[in-house]
Protein backbone atom coordinates (compact mmCIF):
# COMPACT_ATOMS: atom_id res chain seq x y z
CA MET A 1 -16.97 -23.94 -20.99
CA PHE A 2 -13.65 -25.26 -20.28
CA GLU A 3 -11.94 -25.83 -23.65
CA ARG A 4 -9.74 -28.64 -24.00
CA GLN A 5 -6.10 -27.46 -25.20
CA HIS A 6 -5.61 -30.46 -27.69
CA GLN A 7 -8.80 -31.26 -29.42
CA ARG A 8 -8.25 -34.86 -31.42
CA ALA A 9 -10.13 -33.47 -34.43
CA SER A 10 -11.29 -30.53 -35.40
CA PRO A 11 -15.22 -29.63 -36.12
CA SER A 12 -14.31 -26.85 -38.45
CA SER A 13 -15.57 -28.65 -41.56
CA ILE A 14 -18.95 -30.20 -40.24
CA GLY A 15 -21.37 -28.04 -42.11
CA PRO A 16 -22.77 -24.46 -42.61
CA PRO A 17 -22.21 -22.00 -39.87
CA ALA A 18 -25.30 -21.40 -37.20
CA ILE A 19 -25.81 -18.30 -35.52
CA ARG A 20 -25.77 -19.10 -31.68
CA ALA A 21 -29.06 -17.64 -29.96
CA ALA A 22 -27.47 -15.87 -27.16
CA ALA A 23 -24.15 -14.17 -26.58
CA GLN A 24 -21.49 -15.89 -24.33
CA PRO A 25 -21.83 -14.59 -20.68
CA ALA A 26 -19.05 -12.56 -19.28
CA GLY A 27 -15.65 -14.68 -18.47
CA LEU A 28 -16.63 -17.30 -20.92
CA ARG A 29 -14.87 -18.05 -24.08
CA GLN A 30 -16.56 -18.62 -27.45
CA PRO A 31 -15.86 -21.95 -28.41
CA ALA A 32 -13.72 -22.01 -31.60
CA TRP A 33 -16.18 -24.43 -33.26
CA SER A 34 -19.33 -22.66 -32.57
CA ALA A 35 -19.37 -21.02 -35.79
CA ALA A 36 -19.13 -23.93 -37.85
CA LEU A 37 -22.12 -25.97 -36.33
CA PRO A 38 -24.81 -27.37 -38.47
CA ALA A 39 -27.74 -25.14 -38.72
CA THR A 40 -30.59 -26.89 -36.89
CA PRO A 41 -34.01 -25.53 -35.28
CA ARG A 42 -33.12 -27.18 -32.27
CA ILE A 43 -29.93 -25.08 -31.73
CA LEU A 44 -31.48 -21.72 -33.08
CA GLN A 45 -34.68 -21.71 -31.34
CA ARG A 46 -33.77 -21.12 -27.76
CA ALA A 47 -35.48 -19.43 -24.73
CA PRO A 48 -33.62 -16.31 -23.80
CA ALA A 49 -31.37 -16.51 -20.75
CA THR A 50 -32.61 -15.99 -17.20
CA ALA A 51 -31.07 -14.71 -14.17
CA ASN A 52 -30.75 -18.29 -12.73
CA ALA A 53 -27.24 -17.64 -11.71
CA PRO A 54 -25.06 -19.99 -9.27
CA ALA A 55 -24.91 -19.45 -5.56
CA ALA A 56 -22.13 -17.28 -4.32
CA SER A 57 -20.68 -20.30 -2.34
CA GLN A 58 -20.17 -22.19 -5.43
CA PRO A 59 -16.64 -22.76 -7.19
CA ALA A 60 -14.84 -19.84 -8.61
CA VAL A 61 -15.67 -21.51 -12.09
CA CYS A 62 -19.33 -20.77 -11.81
CA PRO A 63 -19.77 -16.85 -11.44
CA GLY A 64 -20.82 -15.26 -14.93
CA MET A 65 -22.79 -18.39 -16.00
CA THR A 66 -26.45 -19.07 -15.81
CA LEU A 67 -28.38 -22.42 -16.15
CA ASP A 68 -29.28 -21.55 -19.31
CA ASP A 69 -25.84 -20.74 -20.53
CA ALA A 70 -24.69 -24.33 -18.91
CA LYS A 71 -27.38 -25.73 -20.82
CA ARG A 72 -26.29 -24.44 -24.06
CA GLU A 73 -22.76 -25.54 -23.61
CA VAL A 74 -24.05 -28.96 -22.94
CA GLU A 75 -26.64 -29.02 -25.87
CA SER A 76 -23.99 -27.80 -28.24
CA SER A 77 -21.24 -30.21 -27.12
CA ALA A 78 -23.69 -33.24 -27.65
CA LEU A 79 -24.45 -32.07 -30.92
CA VAL A 80 -20.96 -31.71 -32.18
CA ALA A 81 -20.26 -35.25 -30.46
CA SER A 82 -22.93 -36.61 -32.56
CA VAL A 83 -21.43 -35.22 -35.74
CA LEU A 84 -18.10 -36.43 -35.10
CA ILE A 85 -19.31 -39.93 -33.79
CA ASN A 86 -16.72 -41.75 -35.85
CA SER A 87 -13.93 -40.35 -34.26
CA ASP A 88 -15.63 -39.81 -30.64
CA SER A 89 -13.23 -36.60 -30.53
CA PHE A 90 -15.62 -34.40 -28.54
CA ILE A 91 -16.89 -36.76 -25.96
CA PRO A 92 -14.14 -35.35 -23.39
CA GLN A 93 -15.55 -31.74 -24.06
CA LEU A 94 -18.93 -33.07 -23.58
CA TYR A 95 -17.98 -34.42 -20.08
CA LEU A 96 -16.44 -31.46 -19.09
CA ASP A 97 -19.37 -29.42 -19.82
CA LEU A 98 -21.54 -31.75 -17.81
CA LYS A 99 -19.56 -31.63 -14.95
CA ARG A 100 -19.37 -27.97 -14.90
CA ALA A 101 -23.49 -27.78 -15.38
CA ARG A 102 -23.70 -30.27 -12.31
CA THR A 103 -21.07 -28.37 -10.26
CA CYS A 104 -22.79 -25.04 -10.69
CA PHE A 105 -26.28 -26.00 -10.67
CA SER A 106 -27.69 -28.58 -8.71
CA GLN A 107 -31.01 -28.54 -10.45
CA PHE A 108 -29.15 -29.63 -13.42
CA ASP A 109 -29.95 -33.46 -13.08
CA GLU A 110 -29.99 -36.46 -15.35
CA ALA A 111 -33.83 -35.75 -16.31
CA ALA A 112 -32.77 -32.22 -17.53
CA PHE A 113 -29.89 -33.67 -19.42
CA MET A 114 -32.25 -36.35 -21.18
CA ALA A 115 -34.85 -33.66 -21.77
CA LEU A 116 -32.03 -31.19 -23.48
CA VAL A 117 -30.54 -33.76 -25.78
CA PRO A 118 -32.19 -36.05 -28.22
CA PRO A 119 -31.89 -39.99 -28.26
CA ASP A 120 -29.29 -39.69 -31.07
CA PRO A 121 -25.98 -41.72 -31.02
CA LEU A 122 -23.33 -39.99 -29.21
CA TYR A 123 -20.47 -42.83 -29.08
CA SER A 124 -19.02 -44.66 -32.10
CA ASP A 125 -20.07 -48.37 -31.94
CA GLY A 126 -16.41 -49.22 -30.84
CA MET A 127 -16.46 -46.75 -27.85
CA ARG A 128 -19.98 -47.60 -26.90
CA LYS A 129 -19.03 -51.30 -26.61
CA LYS A 130 -16.32 -50.36 -24.39
CA VAL A 131 -18.10 -47.79 -22.42
CA ALA A 132 -21.12 -49.87 -21.70
CA SER A 133 -19.39 -52.89 -20.32
CA GLY A 134 -20.73 -53.42 -16.91
CA TYR A 135 -23.89 -51.29 -17.11
CA PRO A 136 -27.32 -52.73 -17.15
CA ALA A 137 -29.02 -52.90 -20.78
CA THR A 138 -31.45 -50.12 -19.70
CA ILE A 139 -28.46 -47.89 -19.50
CA ALA A 140 -26.41 -49.37 -22.09
CA ARG A 141 -28.87 -48.87 -24.86
CA ASP A 142 -29.09 -45.20 -24.41
CA ASP A 143 -25.89 -43.10 -25.20
CA ARG A 144 -27.42 -40.18 -22.94
CA LYS A 145 -27.65 -42.43 -19.87
CA LEU A 146 -24.04 -43.57 -20.59
CA VAL A 147 -22.53 -40.22 -21.02
CA TRP A 148 -24.47 -38.94 -17.93
CA ARG A 149 -22.53 -41.68 -15.74
CA GLU A 150 -19.35 -41.72 -17.44
CA SER A 151 -18.84 -38.04 -17.09
CA GLN A 152 -19.28 -38.15 -13.56
CA LYS A 153 -15.97 -40.21 -13.21
CA PRO A 154 -13.19 -38.35 -11.10
CA PHE A 155 -10.89 -37.81 -14.16
CA ALA A 156 -13.50 -37.92 -16.87
CA GLY A 157 -12.92 -35.38 -19.78
CA TYR A 158 -9.02 -35.42 -19.26
CA ASP A 159 -6.09 -36.71 -20.78
CA VAL A 160 -3.41 -38.83 -18.91
CA GLY A 161 0.18 -39.35 -19.93
CA GLY A 162 3.55 -40.62 -18.11
CA PHE A 163 5.64 -43.34 -17.58
CA ASP A 164 3.85 -46.25 -15.70
CA PRO A 165 5.95 -49.35 -16.12
CA SER A 166 4.31 -50.76 -13.05
CA SER A 167 0.75 -50.37 -14.29
CA ARG A 168 -0.63 -48.56 -11.43
CA PHE A 169 -2.48 -45.98 -13.23
CA THR A 170 -3.10 -46.78 -17.14
CA THR A 171 -4.40 -50.22 -17.20
CA SER A 172 -7.67 -50.76 -18.69
CA GLY A 173 -9.39 -51.26 -15.31
CA ARG A 174 -7.98 -47.95 -13.91
CA LEU A 175 -8.63 -45.96 -17.05
CA LYS A 176 -12.36 -47.21 -16.91
CA GLN A 177 -12.51 -46.65 -13.16
CA LEU A 178 -10.95 -42.94 -13.24
CA GLY A 179 -12.53 -41.95 -16.67
CA TYR A 180 -9.53 -40.29 -18.06
CA THR A 181 -8.12 -41.06 -21.49
CA PRO A 182 -4.57 -41.61 -22.68
CA THR A 183 -3.21 -38.41 -24.66
CA PRO A 184 -3.25 -38.90 -28.34
CA SER A 185 0.49 -39.32 -28.43
CA HIS A 186 0.72 -41.59 -25.37
CA THR A 187 2.61 -44.91 -25.95
CA GLY A 188 3.83 -47.82 -23.71
CA SER A 189 6.84 -47.11 -21.20
CA LYS A 190 9.36 -48.72 -23.59
CA GLU A 191 8.31 -46.34 -26.42
CA THR A 192 8.20 -43.44 -24.11
CA ALA A 193 11.86 -44.36 -22.86
CA GLU A 194 13.07 -44.70 -26.37
CA ASP A 195 11.49 -41.68 -27.99
CA PRO A 196 11.98 -38.38 -26.04
CA ASN A 197 10.31 -36.51 -28.79
CA ARG A 198 7.21 -38.56 -28.70
CA ALA A 199 7.36 -38.13 -24.76
CA GLN A 200 7.51 -34.63 -25.04
CA LYS A 201 4.31 -34.21 -27.06
CA SER A 202 2.41 -36.71 -24.97
CA PHE A 203 3.37 -34.82 -21.87
CA ALA A 204 2.69 -31.45 -23.32
CA GLU A 205 -0.84 -32.90 -24.29
CA ALA A 206 -1.54 -34.14 -20.89
CA ASP A 207 -3.77 -32.90 -17.97
CA ILE A 208 -2.47 -35.45 -15.80
CA LEU A 209 0.86 -37.26 -15.50
CA VAL A 210 1.44 -40.64 -13.60
CA PHE A 211 4.72 -42.21 -12.83
CA SER A 212 5.46 -45.47 -11.34
CA GLY A 213 8.66 -47.64 -11.07
CA HIS A 214 12.08 -46.75 -9.65
CA GLN A 215 13.06 -42.99 -9.40
CA TYR A 216 16.77 -42.21 -8.64
CA ALA A 217 16.77 -38.94 -6.77
CA GLN A 218 18.27 -40.60 -3.58
CA TYR A 219 21.24 -41.59 -6.04
CA LYS A 220 21.68 -37.97 -7.18
CA VAL A 221 19.99 -38.56 -10.63
CA PRO A 222 16.53 -36.81 -9.85
CA GLY A 223 13.95 -37.35 -12.81
CA LEU A 224 15.28 -40.54 -13.95
CA TRP A 225 12.91 -43.52 -13.62
CA ALA A 226 13.30 -47.10 -14.63
CA ASP A 227 10.86 -50.00 -14.59
CA ASP A 228 11.01 -52.66 -11.73
CA THR A 229 13.88 -54.79 -13.48
CA ALA A 230 15.81 -51.47 -14.13
CA THR A 231 16.06 -52.49 -17.76
CA THR A 232 13.99 -49.77 -19.26
CA ALA A 233 14.92 -46.14 -18.43
CA TYR A 234 12.94 -42.75 -18.87
CA ASP A 235 14.90 -39.38 -18.12
CA ALA A 236 12.34 -36.67 -17.37
CA ARG A 237 15.27 -34.24 -17.61
CA THR A 238 15.12 -34.54 -21.39
CA LEU A 239 11.82 -32.68 -21.27
CA SER A 240 11.49 -28.93 -22.31
CA GLY A 241 9.14 -26.82 -20.28
CA PRO A 242 7.15 -25.14 -19.17
CA LEU A 243 4.33 -27.70 -19.62
CA ASN A 244 1.43 -25.49 -18.51
CA ASN A 245 -1.44 -27.92 -19.46
CA VAL A 246 -0.33 -30.34 -16.71
CA LYS A 247 -2.47 -29.98 -13.79
CA LEU A 248 -2.06 -33.02 -11.57
CA ILE A 249 1.03 -35.34 -11.34
CA ILE A 250 0.73 -38.68 -9.31
CA SER A 251 3.33 -41.00 -8.40
CA THR A 252 3.92 -44.26 -6.31
CA SER A 253 7.80 -43.94 -7.00
CA CYS A 254 10.39 -43.04 -4.44
CA ALA A 255 11.57 -39.50 -3.49
CA THR A 256 9.37 -37.67 -6.09
CA ILE A 257 9.04 -34.62 -3.93
CA CYS A 258 12.24 -34.03 -2.25
CA ARG A 259 14.41 -30.84 -2.94
CA ASP A 260 16.20 -31.95 -6.17
CA PRO A 261 13.41 -33.19 -8.14
CA ALA A 262 11.20 -30.52 -6.80
CA ILE A 263 13.57 -27.88 -8.45
CA ILE A 264 13.16 -29.81 -11.78
CA TRP A 265 9.15 -29.83 -11.25
CA GLN A 266 9.21 -26.27 -10.86
CA SER A 267 10.72 -25.58 -14.35
CA LEU A 268 8.58 -28.36 -16.13
CA PHE A 269 5.37 -28.16 -14.69
CA PRO A 270 4.88 -24.85 -12.71
CA LYS A 271 1.13 -25.03 -12.49
CA ALA A 272 0.66 -28.56 -11.18
CA VAL A 273 0.33 -30.44 -7.91
CA PHE A 274 2.76 -33.55 -7.42
CA LEU A 275 1.28 -36.25 -5.30
CA GLY A 276 4.28 -38.62 -4.21
CA TYR A 277 6.82 -39.55 -1.70
CA LYS A 278 9.77 -37.72 -0.06
CA LYS A 279 11.45 -40.76 0.62
CA SER A 280 11.43 -44.38 -0.30
CA ALA A 281 8.11 -45.57 -1.47
CA PRO A 282 6.89 -49.14 -0.72
CA LEU A 283 7.47 -51.80 -3.51
CA ASN A 284 3.97 -52.51 -3.75
CA GLY A 285 2.68 -49.37 -5.09
CA GLY A 286 -0.36 -50.58 -6.23
CA ALA A 287 -2.01 -50.63 -2.76
CA MET A 288 -1.58 -46.74 -2.56
CA ALA A 289 -2.61 -46.34 -6.11
CA ALA A 290 -6.16 -48.62 -5.50
CA SER A 291 -6.63 -46.66 -2.23
CA PHE A 292 -6.22 -43.22 -3.77
CA ALA A 293 -8.25 -44.19 -6.58
CA ALA A 294 -11.30 -45.48 -4.55
CA LYS A 295 -11.23 -42.29 -2.46
CA LEU A 296 -11.56 -39.62 -5.14
CA PRO A 297 -14.97 -38.07 -5.59
CA LYS A 298 -17.04 -37.84 -8.67
CA ASP A 299 -17.06 -34.94 -10.92
CA LEU A 300 -13.70 -33.43 -10.33
CA LEU A 301 -12.87 -30.12 -12.45
CA LEU A 302 -9.13 -29.50 -12.29
CA GLU A 303 -8.99 -26.12 -13.69
CA ALA A 304 -8.04 -23.29 -11.47
CA GLY A 305 -10.80 -22.32 -8.90
CA ALA A 306 -12.74 -25.36 -9.51
CA GLY A 307 -11.45 -27.34 -6.53
CA GLY A 308 -10.84 -30.63 -8.33
CA VAL A 309 -7.01 -30.57 -7.59
CA GLN A 310 -7.56 -29.92 -3.96
CA SER A 311 -10.11 -32.70 -3.87
CA ALA A 312 -7.43 -35.06 -5.38
CA VAL A 313 -4.88 -33.79 -2.84
CA GLN A 314 -7.50 -34.62 -0.14
CA ALA A 315 -8.04 -38.22 -1.50
CA TRP A 316 -4.16 -38.81 -1.51
CA LYS A 317 -3.88 -37.52 2.15
CA ALA A 318 -6.52 -40.02 3.16
CA ALA A 319 -4.90 -42.76 1.43
CA ILE A 320 -1.47 -41.85 3.21
CA GLN A 321 -3.24 -41.85 6.60
CA GLY A 322 -4.80 -45.21 5.61
CA ASN A 323 -1.79 -46.91 4.11
CA HIS A 324 1.27 -45.44 6.26
CA ALA A 325 -0.25 -44.93 9.78
CA GLY A 326 2.62 -44.86 12.00
CA ASP A 327 5.13 -44.99 9.26
CA SER A 328 7.90 -42.27 9.49
CA ALA A 329 10.15 -43.84 6.87
CA THR A 330 8.33 -43.08 3.49
CA GLN A 331 7.27 -39.68 4.20
CA ALA A 332 4.43 -39.64 1.66
CA GLY A 333 2.91 -36.33 0.71
CA TRP A 334 2.48 -33.74 -1.93
CA MET A 335 4.01 -30.89 -3.75
CA ASP A 336 2.26 -27.57 -4.35
CA ILE A 337 4.65 -26.56 -7.23
CA PRO A 338 3.22 -22.91 -7.77
CA ALA A 339 3.59 -22.31 -4.05
CA ASN A 340 6.92 -24.01 -3.80
CA GLN A 341 5.48 -26.05 -0.73
CA VAL A 342 5.72 -29.73 0.32
CA GLN A 343 3.74 -31.30 3.09
CA TYR A 344 4.68 -34.98 4.13
CA TRP A 345 3.58 -37.45 6.78
CA THR A 346 5.72 -38.37 9.64
CA GLY A 347 3.66 -41.02 10.68
CA LYS A 348 1.51 -38.88 13.16
CA GLN A 349 0.89 -35.71 11.31
CA PHE A 350 1.68 -33.62 8.33
CA VAL A 351 4.81 -31.34 8.28
CA GLN A 352 5.00 -28.48 5.50
CA VAL A 353 8.45 -27.29 4.27
CA VAL A 354 9.73 -25.06 1.42
CA ALA A 355 10.17 -27.34 -1.56
CA ASP A 356 13.69 -26.12 -2.80
CA SER A 357 15.14 -25.69 0.91
CA ASP A 358 17.67 -27.95 2.67
CA GLN A 359 14.60 -29.13 5.02
CA ASN A 360 13.45 -30.89 1.93
CA ALA A 361 16.80 -32.22 1.00
CA CYS A 362 16.65 -35.86 -0.52
CA LYS A 363 18.35 -38.68 1.49
CA GLU A 364 21.53 -40.06 -0.25
CA LYS A 365 21.76 -43.72 -0.66
CA GLY A 366 24.60 -43.58 -3.48
CA ASP A 367 25.74 -41.64 -6.68
CA TYR A 368 24.79 -42.58 -10.13
CA SER A 369 25.30 -39.12 -11.36
CA ASP A 370 28.37 -40.01 -13.30
CA ILE A 371 26.78 -42.63 -15.54
CA ASN A 372 23.57 -40.54 -15.89
CA PRO A 373 24.50 -36.95 -16.54
CA ASP A 374 21.95 -34.38 -16.58
CA PRO A 375 21.06 -33.46 -20.04
CA GLY A 376 19.87 -30.13 -18.98
CA THR A 377 17.10 -29.69 -21.27
CA TRP A 378 14.52 -29.15 -18.60
CA ARG A 379 16.29 -26.13 -17.38
CA GLN A 380 14.68 -22.64 -17.69
CA PRO A 381 16.56 -19.50 -17.32
CA SER A 382 14.98 -18.98 -13.86
CA ALA A 383 15.28 -22.51 -12.59
CA SER A 384 17.30 -22.96 -9.39
CA PRO A 385 20.42 -25.11 -9.62
CA VAL A 386 19.99 -28.66 -8.43
CA PRO A 387 22.76 -28.74 -5.53
């Protein structure tokens, strides 16, 4: 199973230990909570594992796992979610386990899940009310049916943080559409700007970061964001890296993937892909955000080898082609941070350049660096100097 890096609550005190019926398959980690599950016949009486391994053509996250392994992970996560129901702290892990089971085994369908998990409550009353909105009564009255559908949303199971003053990615509607959850330490844009320590904690917890508003790389202040009225500013250069839990970054702001911010991202987010713009982005970034969200497929897994980040890139690419056909001015694209590569749209085709090279230099519109000096917190010993 994919173990979340920052559980909101520990299940370590939920009852006497239970011995799992089968050993973890090769390549899978024993969950930290598995030794503290309540002892129940349902957990202890399991059929032995069979050789129902995933097909060789499936994602790299599947080999070493059998269908029975996947079922055990889902069953155990559902049990813990029901025990920790008042905090809803294990629902994201259950979502991830369901995603992996579906990704690796096409025969693991809703009927298989319903047969595996008893009809016990999985959500708290408050979360159920929020989640069930929009579903018919036949779905809303069974938490298993709700969990099955909610877990299919593109970013279900993952935590989002960032600075989103233009409300492109963190409105209640967008959160419900994409399925991700604000990090435990996430706050509003104003609070993020005023409390760098809180921002550091939230960003470190995040799987996905989102940014909107103005970004001033074209004014020699890469990494500095401000809201639409330029009254609230957040400086990402105050972060300390590396923040290795961040897998995907999405921004409708200007010049987020040209050379100068790219060098900062290499130090802060060395394992992520950044979806953004090389030059000036449209003022109405909402159109691009909505188009991207609509094009994301279900069941994305963002871990290495799972293909989810690549699917997000393809959705961004399709949104670029749909929103920027013939547009050579904005140069929307993405940065593969580990590979040090940027691809951007010329209006007719995508061009690839080395991210920290002169070919990817930021357009200069002015110089605000004197009044916004670089705090330098982001720099790692190996970081390239920003020109």
